[in-house]
Full PDB file with SEQRES, HELIX, SHEET, SSBOND, CRYST1, ORIGX, SCALE, CONECT and MASTER records, all heavy atoms in Angstrom:
SEQRES   1 A   35  GLY ILE THR ARG THR SER SER SER ALA THR GLY LYS GLU          
SEQRES   2 A   35  ALA THR VAL ASP GLY MET PRO GLU ILE GLU ILE VAL ASP          
SEQRES   3 A   35  MET LYS ARG GLU LEU ILE SER GLY ASN                          
HELIX    1 AA1 MET A   27  ILE A   32  1                                   6    
SHEET    1 AA1 2 THR A   3  SER A   7  0                                        
SHEET    2 AA1 2 GLU A  13  ASP A  17 -1                                        
CRYST1    1.000    1.000    1.000  90.00  90.00  90.00 P 1           1          
ORIGX1      1.000000  0.000000  0.000000        0.00000                         
ORIGX2      0.000000  1.000000  0.000000        0.00000                         
ORIGX3      0.000000  0.000000  1.000000        0.00000                         
SCALE1      1.000000  0.000000  0.000000        0.00000                         
SCALE2      0.000000  1.000000  0.000000        0.00000                         
SCALE3      0.000000  0.000000  1.000000        0.00000                         
ATOM      1  N   GLY A   1       3.784  14.907  11.861  1.00  0.00           N  
ATOM      2  CA  GLY A   1       2.848  15.952  11.393  1.00  0.00           C  
ATOM      3  C   GLY A   1       1.991  15.540  10.241  1.00  0.00           C  
ATOM      4  O   GLY A   1       1.153  16.351   9.767  1.00  0.00           O  
ATOM      5  N   ILE A   2       2.215  14.334   9.707  1.00  0.00           N  
ATOM      6  CA  ILE A   2       1.479  13.865   8.572  1.00  0.00           C  
ATOM      7  C   ILE A   2       0.367  12.977   9.012  1.00  0.00           C  
ATOM      8  O   ILE A   2       0.500  12.040   9.766  1.00  0.00           O  
ATOM      9  CB  ILE A   2       2.365  13.094   7.601  1.00  0.00           C  
ATOM     10  CG1 ILE A   2       3.635  13.942   7.236  1.00  0.00           C  
ATOM     11  CG2 ILE A   2       1.646  12.626   6.371  1.00  0.00           C  
ATOM     12  CD1 ILE A   2       4.726  13.159   6.554  1.00  0.00           C  
ATOM     13  N   THR A   3      -0.868  13.252   8.559  1.00  0.00           N  
ATOM     14  CA  THR A   3      -1.998  12.383   8.895  1.00  0.00           C  
ATOM     15  C   THR A   3      -2.789  12.121   7.599  1.00  0.00           C  
ATOM     16  O   THR A   3      -3.052  12.988   6.813  1.00  0.00           O  
ATOM     17  CB  THR A   3      -2.935  13.092   9.861  1.00  0.00           C  
ATOM     18  OG1 THR A   3      -2.184  13.449  11.025  1.00  0.00           O  
ATOM     19  CG2 THR A   3      -4.068  12.156  10.246  1.00  0.00           C  
ATOM     20  N   ARG A   4      -3.164  10.845   7.412  1.00  0.00           N  
ATOM     21  CA  ARG A   4      -3.949  10.503   6.255  1.00  0.00           C  
ATOM     22  C   ARG A   4      -5.015   9.474   6.710  1.00  0.00           C  
ATOM     23  O   ARG A   4      -4.872   8.848   7.729  1.00  0.00           O  
ATOM     24  CB  ARG A   4      -3.099   9.909   5.137  1.00  0.00           C  
ATOM     25  CG  ARG A   4      -2.390   8.626   5.489  1.00  0.00           C  
ATOM     26  CD  ARG A   4      -1.493   8.216   4.386  1.00  0.00           C  
ATOM     27  NE  ARG A   4      -0.682   6.987   4.704  1.00  0.00           N  
ATOM     28  CZ  ARG A   4      -1.071   5.809   4.472  1.00  0.00           C  
ATOM     29  NH1 ARG A   4      -2.252   5.511   4.005  1.00  0.00           N  
ATOM     30  NH2 ARG A   4      -0.278   4.792   4.824  1.00  0.00           N  
ATOM     31  N   THR A   5      -6.079   9.389   5.980  1.00  0.00           N  
ATOM     32  CA  THR A   5      -7.156   8.487   6.314  1.00  0.00           C  
ATOM     33  C   THR A   5      -7.153   7.342   5.254  1.00  0.00           C  
ATOM     34  O   THR A   5      -7.033   7.532   4.090  1.00  0.00           O  
ATOM     35  CB  THR A   5      -8.493   9.161   6.270  1.00  0.00           C  
ATOM     36  OG1 THR A   5      -8.498  10.201   7.193  1.00  0.00           O  
ATOM     37  CG2 THR A   5      -9.610   8.142   6.582  1.00  0.00           C  
ATOM     38  N   SER A   6      -7.201   6.108   5.770  1.00  0.00           N  
ATOM     39  CA  SER A   6      -7.213   4.924   4.894  1.00  0.00           C  
ATOM     40  C   SER A   6      -8.199   3.946   5.342  1.00  0.00           C  
ATOM     41  O   SER A   6      -8.672   3.939   6.475  1.00  0.00           O  
ATOM     42  CB  SER A   6      -5.781   4.312   4.885  1.00  0.00           C  
ATOM     43  OG  SER A   6      -5.517   3.747   6.114  1.00  0.00           O  
ATOM     44  N   SER A   7      -8.577   3.036   4.445  1.00  0.00           N  
ATOM     45  CA  SER A   7      -9.447   1.920   4.742  1.00  0.00           C  
ATOM     46  C   SER A   7      -8.719   0.737   5.198  1.00  0.00           C  
ATOM     47  O   SER A   7      -7.897   0.194   4.479  1.00  0.00           O  
ATOM     48  CB  SER A   7     -10.317   1.616   3.506  1.00  0.00           C  
ATOM     49  OG  SER A   7     -11.210   0.547   3.828  1.00  0.00           O  
ATOM     50  N   SER A   8      -8.944   0.243   6.397  1.00  0.00           N  
ATOM     51  CA  SER A   8      -8.183  -0.910   6.917  1.00  0.00           C  
ATOM     52  C   SER A   8      -8.750  -2.178   6.337  1.00  0.00           C  
ATOM     53  O   SER A   8      -9.761  -2.218   5.663  1.00  0.00           O  
ATOM     54  CB  SER A   8      -8.274  -0.927   8.459  1.00  0.00           C  
ATOM     55  OG  SER A   8      -9.577  -1.319   8.838  1.00  0.00           O  
ATOM     56  N   ALA A   9      -8.018  -3.276   6.596  1.00  0.00           N  
ATOM     57  CA  ALA A   9      -8.380  -4.557   6.005  1.00  0.00           C  
ATOM     58  C   ALA A   9      -9.666  -5.044   6.607  1.00  0.00           C  
ATOM     59  O   ALA A   9     -10.382  -5.907   6.008  1.00  0.00           O  
ATOM     60  CB  ALA A   9      -7.284  -5.575   6.257  1.00  0.00           C  
ATOM     61  N   THR A  10     -10.061  -4.519   7.765  1.00  0.00           N  
ATOM     62  CA  THR A  10     -11.324  -4.947   8.400  1.00  0.00           C  
ATOM     63  C   THR A  10     -12.510  -4.196   7.881  1.00  0.00           C  
ATOM     64  O   THR A  10     -13.636  -4.434   8.276  1.00  0.00           O  
ATOM     65  CB  THR A  10     -11.245  -4.755   9.937  1.00  0.00           C  
ATOM     66  OG1 THR A  10     -10.935  -3.406  10.215  1.00  0.00           O  
ATOM     67  CG2 THR A  10     -10.107  -5.663  10.515  1.00  0.00           C  
ATOM     68  N   GLY A  11     -12.260  -3.235   6.970  1.00  0.00           N  
ATOM     69  CA  GLY A  11     -13.374  -2.470   6.409  1.00  0.00           C  
ATOM     70  C   GLY A  11     -13.641  -1.204   7.167  1.00  0.00           C  
ATOM     71  O   GLY A  11     -14.503  -0.373   6.725  1.00  0.00           O  
ATOM     72  N   LYS A  12     -12.947  -0.950   8.222  1.00  0.00           N  
ATOM     73  CA  LYS A  12     -13.195   0.256   8.996  1.00  0.00           C  
ATOM     74  C   LYS A  12     -12.211   1.364   8.577  1.00  0.00           C  
ATOM     75  O   LYS A  12     -11.071   1.120   8.177  1.00  0.00           O  
ATOM     76  CB  LYS A  12     -12.939  -0.036  10.502  1.00  0.00           C  
ATOM     77  CG  LYS A  12     -13.840  -1.113  11.075  1.00  0.00           C  
ATOM     78  CD  LYS A  12     -13.493  -1.446  12.492  1.00  0.00           C  
ATOM     79  CE  LYS A  12     -14.414  -2.535  13.082  1.00  0.00           C  
ATOM     80  NZ  LYS A  12     -14.017  -2.864  14.433  1.00  0.00           N  
ATOM     81  N   GLU A  13     -12.671   2.586   8.668  1.00  0.00           N  
ATOM     82  CA  GLU A  13     -11.833   3.730   8.355  1.00  0.00           C  
ATOM     83  C   GLU A  13     -10.874   3.965   9.495  1.00  0.00           C  
ATOM     84  O   GLU A  13     -11.238   3.892  10.670  1.00  0.00           O  
ATOM     85  CB  GLU A  13     -12.700   4.992   8.135  1.00  0.00           C  
ATOM     86  CG  GLU A  13     -13.483   4.993   6.878  1.00  0.00           C  
ATOM     87  CD  GLU A  13     -12.613   4.952   5.595  1.00  0.00           C  
ATOM     88  OE1 GLU A  13     -11.640   5.709   5.541  1.00  0.00           O  
ATOM     89  OE2 GLU A  13     -12.930   4.131   4.738  1.00  0.00           O  
ATOM     90  N   ALA A  14      -9.574   4.088   9.193  1.00  0.00           N  
ATOM     91  CA  ALA A  14      -8.568   4.232  10.188  1.00  0.00           C  
ATOM     92  C   ALA A  14      -7.687   5.405   9.865  1.00  0.00           C  
ATOM     93  O   ALA A  14      -7.284   5.626   8.702  1.00  0.00           O  
ATOM     94  CB  ALA A  14      -7.703   3.019  10.332  1.00  0.00           C  
ATOM     95  N   THR A  15      -7.312   6.243  10.891  1.00  0.00           N  
ATOM     96  CA  THR A  15      -6.424   7.343  10.676  1.00  0.00           C  
ATOM     97  C   THR A  15      -5.033   6.893  10.992  1.00  0.00           C  
ATOM     98  O   THR A  15      -4.792   6.358  12.065  1.00  0.00           O  
ATOM     99  CB  THR A  15      -6.770   8.490  11.615  1.00  0.00           C  
ATOM    100  OG1 THR A  15      -8.128   8.924  11.342  1.00  0.00           O  
ATOM    101  CG2 THR A  15      -5.878   9.665  11.395  1.00  0.00           C  
ATOM    102  N   VAL A  16      -4.150   7.038  10.034  1.00  0.00           N  
ATOM    103  CA  VAL A  16      -2.748   6.548  10.220  1.00  0.00           C  
ATOM    104  C   VAL A  16      -1.801   7.745  10.127  1.00  0.00           C  
ATOM    105  O   VAL A  16      -1.710   8.416   9.136  1.00  0.00           O  
ATOM    106  CB  VAL A  16      -2.408   5.532   9.080  1.00  0.00           C  
ATOM    107  CG1 VAL A  16      -1.023   4.941   9.332  1.00  0.00           C  
ATOM    108  CG2 VAL A  16      -3.425   4.438   8.990  1.00  0.00           C  
ATOM    109  N   ASP A  17      -1.172   7.986  11.270  1.00  0.00           N  
ATOM    110  CA  ASP A  17      -0.324   9.173  11.360  1.00  0.00           C  
ATOM    111  C   ASP A  17       1.063   8.899  10.786  1.00  0.00           C  
ATOM    112  O   ASP A  17       1.856   8.144  11.297  1.00  0.00           O  
ATOM    113  CB  ASP A  17      -0.154   9.570  12.800  1.00  0.00           C  
ATOM    114  CG  ASP A  17      -1.351  10.285  13.322  1.00  0.00           C  
ATOM    115  OD1 ASP A  17      -2.372  10.398  12.603  1.00  0.00           O  
ATOM    116  OD2 ASP A  17      -1.343  10.767  14.454  1.00  0.00           O  
ATOM    117  N   GLY A  18       1.367   9.547   9.631  1.00  0.00           N  
ATOM    118  CA  GLY A  18       2.691   9.548   9.122  1.00  0.00           C  
ATOM    119  C   GLY A  18       3.186   8.280   8.517  1.00  0.00           C  
ATOM    120  O   GLY A  18       4.395   8.132   8.175  1.00  0.00           O  
ATOM    121  N   MET A  19       2.354   7.229   8.432  1.00  0.00           N  
ATOM    122  CA  MET A  19       2.871   5.963   7.896  1.00  0.00           C  
ATOM    123  C   MET A  19       3.023   6.048   6.372  1.00  0.00           C  
ATOM    124  O   MET A  19       2.287   6.718   5.680  1.00  0.00           O  
ATOM    125  CB  MET A  19       1.867   4.838   8.282  1.00  0.00           C  
ATOM    126  CG  MET A  19       1.727   4.608   9.779  1.00  0.00           C  
ATOM    127  SD  MET A  19       3.281   4.408  10.615  1.00  0.00           S  
ATOM    128  CE  MET A  19       3.823   2.844   9.918  1.00  0.00           C  
ATOM    129  N   PRO A  20       4.073   5.328   5.856  1.00  0.00           N  
ATOM    130  CA  PRO A  20       4.313   5.465   4.436  1.00  0.00           C  
ATOM    131  C   PRO A  20       3.261   4.663   3.590  1.00  0.00           C  
ATOM    132  O   PRO A  20       2.569   3.777   4.150  1.00  0.00           O  
ATOM    133  CB  PRO A  20       5.681   4.777   4.311  1.00  0.00           C  
ATOM    134  CG  PRO A  20       5.794   3.811   5.435  1.00  0.00           C  
ATOM    135  CD  PRO A  20       5.007   4.505   6.579  1.00  0.00           C  
ATOM    136  N   GLU A  21       3.186   4.993   2.339  1.00  0.00           N  
ATOM    137  CA  GLU A  21       2.373   4.206   1.395  1.00  0.00           C  
ATOM    138  C   GLU A  21       3.177   3.017   0.948  1.00  0.00           C  
ATOM    139  O   GLU A  21       4.336   3.160   0.527  1.00  0.00           O  
ATOM    140  CB  GLU A  21       1.980   5.072   0.151  1.00  0.00           C  
ATOM    141  CG  GLU A  21       1.034   6.195   0.507  1.00  0.00           C  
ATOM    142  CD  GLU A  21       0.677   7.039  -0.709  1.00  0.00           C  
ATOM    143  OE1 GLU A  21       1.172   6.713  -1.780  1.00  0.00           O  
ATOM    144  OE2 GLU A  21      -0.136   7.994  -0.598  1.00  0.00           O  
ATOM    145  N   ILE A  22       2.559   1.815   1.042  1.00  0.00           N  
ATOM    146  CA  ILE A  22       3.325   0.599   0.723  1.00  0.00           C  
ATOM    147  C   ILE A  22       2.680  -0.104  -0.441  1.00  0.00           C  
ATOM    148  O   ILE A  22       1.504  -0.296  -0.491  1.00  0.00           O  
ATOM    149  CB  ILE A  22       3.377  -0.360   1.994  1.00  0.00           C  
ATOM    150  CG1 ILE A  22       3.941   0.429   3.179  1.00  0.00           C  
ATOM    151  CG2 ILE A  22       4.191  -1.566   1.666  1.00  0.00           C  
ATOM    152  CD1 ILE A  22       3.946  -0.386   4.475  1.00  0.00           C  
ATOM    153  N   GLU A  23       3.530  -0.501  -1.423  1.00  0.00           N  
ATOM    154  CA  GLU A  23       3.052  -1.168  -2.632  1.00  0.00           C  
ATOM    155  C   GLU A  23       3.817  -2.513  -2.767  1.00  0.00           C  
ATOM    156  O   GLU A  23       4.976  -2.626  -2.331  1.00  0.00           O  
ATOM    157  CB  GLU A  23       3.305  -0.366  -3.867  1.00  0.00           C  
ATOM    158  CG  GLU A  23       2.571   0.974  -3.922  1.00  0.00           C  
ATOM    159  CD  GLU A  23       2.895   1.750  -5.191  1.00  0.00           C  
ATOM    160  OE1 GLU A  23       2.721   1.212  -6.273  1.00  0.00           O  
ATOM    161  OE2 GLU A  23       3.356   2.942  -5.054  1.00  0.00           O  
ATOM    162  N   ILE A  24       3.163  -3.507  -3.346  1.00  0.00           N  
ATOM    163  CA  ILE A  24       3.757  -4.747  -3.630  1.00  0.00           C  
ATOM    164  C   ILE A  24       3.928  -4.937  -5.122  1.00  0.00           C  
ATOM    165  O   ILE A  24       3.021  -4.619  -5.898  1.00  0.00           O  
ATOM    166  CB  ILE A  24       2.898  -5.895  -3.114  1.00  0.00           C  
ATOM    167  CG1 ILE A  24       2.830  -5.868  -1.574  1.00  0.00           C  
ATOM    168  CG2 ILE A  24       3.420  -7.273  -3.541  1.00  0.00           C  
ATOM    169  CD1 ILE A  24       1.880  -6.922  -0.970  1.00  0.00           C  
ATOM    170  N   VAL A  25       5.127  -5.379  -5.569  1.00  0.00           N  
ATOM    171  CA  VAL A  25       5.361  -5.592  -6.957  1.00  0.00           C  
ATOM    172  C   VAL A  25       5.598  -7.115  -7.170  1.00  0.00           C  
ATOM    173  O   VAL A  25       6.413  -7.701  -6.476  1.00  0.00           O  
ATOM    174  CB  VAL A  25       6.627  -4.809  -7.467  1.00  0.00           C  
ATOM    175  CG1 VAL A  25       6.988  -5.240  -8.890  1.00  0.00           C  
ATOM    176  CG2 VAL A  25       6.413  -3.350  -7.398  1.00  0.00           C  
ATOM    177  N   ASP A  26       4.816  -7.693  -8.105  1.00  0.00           N  
ATOM    178  CA  ASP A  26       4.983  -9.116  -8.458  1.00  0.00           C  
ATOM    179  C   ASP A  26       6.112  -9.276  -9.425  1.00  0.00           C  
ATOM    180  O   ASP A  26       6.025  -8.942 -10.578  1.00  0.00           O  
ATOM    181  CB  ASP A  26       3.641  -9.593  -9.042  1.00  0.00           C  
ATOM    182  CG  ASP A  26       3.683 -11.094  -9.289  1.00  0.00           C  
ATOM    183  OD1 ASP A  26       4.730 -11.762  -9.155  1.00  0.00           O  
ATOM    184  OD2 ASP A  26       2.593 -11.663  -9.662  1.00  0.00           O  
ATOM    185  N   MET A  27       7.220  -9.858  -8.961  1.00  0.00           N  
ATOM    186  CA  MET A  27       8.392 -10.041  -9.797  1.00  0.00           C  
ATOM    187  C   MET A  27       8.209 -11.096 -10.844  1.00  0.00           C  
ATOM    188  O   MET A  27       8.974 -11.128 -11.864  1.00  0.00           O  
ATOM    189  CB  MET A  27       9.615 -10.332  -8.908  1.00  0.00           C  
ATOM    190  CG  MET A  27      10.044  -9.204  -8.039  1.00  0.00           C  
ATOM    191  SD  MET A  27      10.384  -7.615  -8.876  1.00  0.00           S  
ATOM    192  CE  MET A  27      11.950  -8.056  -9.586  1.00  0.00           C  
ATOM    193  N   LYS A  28       7.208 -11.953 -10.702  1.00  0.00           N  
ATOM    194  CA  LYS A  28       6.935 -12.936 -11.763  1.00  0.00           C  
ATOM    195  C   LYS A  28       6.467 -12.158 -13.006  1.00  0.00           C  
ATOM    196  O   LYS A  28       6.786 -12.534 -14.127  1.00  0.00           O  
ATOM    197  CB  LYS A  28       5.890 -13.943 -11.291  1.00  0.00           C  
ATOM    198  CG  LYS A  28       6.348 -14.836 -10.148  1.00  0.00           C  
ATOM    199  CD  LYS A  28       5.402 -16.022  -9.957  1.00  0.00           C  
ATOM    200  CE  LYS A  28       3.961 -15.610  -9.641  1.00  0.00           C  
ATOM    201  NZ  LYS A  28       3.928 -14.947  -8.324  1.00  0.00           N  
ATOM    202  N   ARG A  29       5.618 -11.129 -12.769  1.00  0.00           N  
ATOM    203  CA  ARG A  29       5.127 -10.357 -13.927  1.00  0.00           C  
ATOM    204  C   ARG A  29       6.266  -9.613 -14.588  1.00  0.00           C  
ATOM    205  O   ARG A  29       6.289  -9.417 -15.831  1.00  0.00           O  
ATOM    206  CB  ARG A  29       4.068  -9.388 -13.501  1.00  0.00           C  
ATOM    207  CG  ARG A  29       2.784 -10.038 -13.028  1.00  0.00           C  
ATOM    208  CD  ARG A  29       1.717  -9.037 -12.610  1.00  0.00           C  
ATOM    209  NE  ARG A  29       0.466  -9.661 -12.246  1.00  0.00           N  
ATOM    210  CZ  ARG A  29      -0.454 -10.007 -13.126  1.00  0.00           C  
ATOM    211  NH1 ARG A  29      -0.287  -9.769 -14.443  1.00  0.00           N  
ATOM    212  NH2 ARG A  29      -1.568 -10.565 -12.685  1.00  0.00           N  
ATOM    213  N   GLU A  30       7.279  -9.155 -13.811  1.00  0.00           N  
ATOM    214  CA  GLU A  30       8.433  -8.497 -14.386  1.00  0.00           C  
ATOM    215  C   GLU A  30       9.173  -9.442 -15.284  1.00  0.00           C  
ATOM    216  O   GLU A  30       9.614  -9.075 -16.402  1.00  0.00           O  
ATOM    217  CB  GLU A  30       9.360  -8.019 -13.298  1.00  0.00           C  
ATOM    218  CG  GLU A  30       8.775  -6.867 -12.418  1.00  0.00           C  
ATOM    219  CD  GLU A  30       8.634  -5.593 -13.204  1.00  0.00           C  
ATOM    220  OE1 GLU A  30       9.633  -5.160 -13.862  1.00  0.00           O  
ATOM    221  OE2 GLU A  30       7.590  -4.933 -13.099  1.00  0.00           O  
ATOM    222  N   LEU A  31       9.318 -10.704 -14.904  1.00  0.00           N  
ATOM    223  CA  LEU A  31      10.029 -11.697 -15.721  1.00  0.00           C  
ATOM    224  C   LEU A  31       9.272 -11.930 -17.059  1.00  0.00           C  
ATOM    225  O   LEU A  31       9.838 -12.025 -18.087  1.00  0.00           O  
ATOM    226  CB  LEU A  31      10.229 -12.997 -14.961  1.00  0.00           C  
ATOM    227  CG  LEU A  31      11.311 -13.029 -13.893  1.00  0.00           C  
ATOM    228  CD1 LEU A  31      11.294 -14.360 -13.154  1.00  0.00           C  
ATOM    229  CD2 LEU A  31      12.701 -12.827 -14.523  1.00  0.00           C  
ATOM    230  N   ILE A  32       7.961 -12.092 -16.904  1.00  0.00           N  
ATOM    231  CA  ILE A  32       7.128 -12.378 -18.051  1.00  0.00           C  
ATOM    232  C   ILE A  32       7.189 -11.246 -19.046  1.00  0.00           C  
ATOM    233  O   ILE A  32       7.225 -11.441 -20.255  1.00  0.00           O  
ATOM    234  CB  ILE A  32       5.654 -12.624 -17.635  1.00  0.00           C  
ATOM    235  CG1 ILE A  32       5.555 -13.916 -16.867  1.00  0.00           C  
ATOM    236  CG2 ILE A  32       4.715 -12.624 -18.821  1.00  0.00           C  
ATOM    237  CD1 ILE A  32       4.205 -14.135 -16.143  1.00  0.00           C  
ATOM    238  N   SER A  33       7.264 -10.023 -18.550  1.00  0.00           N  
ATOM    239  CA  SER A  33       7.353  -8.848 -19.415  1.00  0.00           C  
ATOM    240  C   SER A  33       8.758  -8.606 -20.006  1.00  0.00           C  
ATOM    241  O   SER A  33       8.974  -7.683 -20.778  1.00  0.00           O  
ATOM    242  CB  SER A  33       6.887  -7.602 -18.697  1.00  0.00           C  
ATOM    243  OG  SER A  33       7.825  -7.237 -17.659  1.00  0.00           O  
ATOM    244  N   GLY A  34       9.728  -9.430 -19.618  1.00  0.00           N  
ATOM    245  CA  GLY A  34      11.057  -9.318 -20.183  1.00  0.00           C  
ATOM    246  C   GLY A  34      12.095  -8.646 -19.279  1.00  0.00           C  
ATOM    247  O   GLY A  34      13.282  -8.520 -19.695  1.00  0.00           O  
ATOM    248  N   ASN A  35      11.667  -8.194 -18.103  1.00  0.00           N  
ATOM    249  CA  ASN A  35      12.610  -7.519 -17.241  1.00  0.00           C  
ATOM    250  C   ASN A  35      13.297  -8.534 -16.330  1.00  0.00           C  
ATOM    251  O   ASN A  35      12.695  -9.078 -15.447  1.00  0.00           O  
ATOM    252  CB  ASN A  35      11.871  -6.524 -16.383  1.00  0.00           C  
ATOM    253  CG  ASN A  35      12.818  -5.767 -15.406  1.00  0.00           C  
ATOM    254  OD1 ASN A  35      14.006  -5.698 -15.615  1.00  0.00           O  
ATOM    255  ND2 ASN A  35      12.243  -5.181 -14.355  1.00  0.00           N  
TER     256      ASN A  35                                                      
MASTER        0    0    0    1    2    0    0    6  255    1    0    3          
END                                                                             
């Protein structure tokens, strides 16, 4: 039942039904910051 609009890697607008939001965390930066 969840629909959102996002910009795909090809530059085209794409409707993605119910897909989660995905983030990447750089663990090297975590080490540098002391974590």
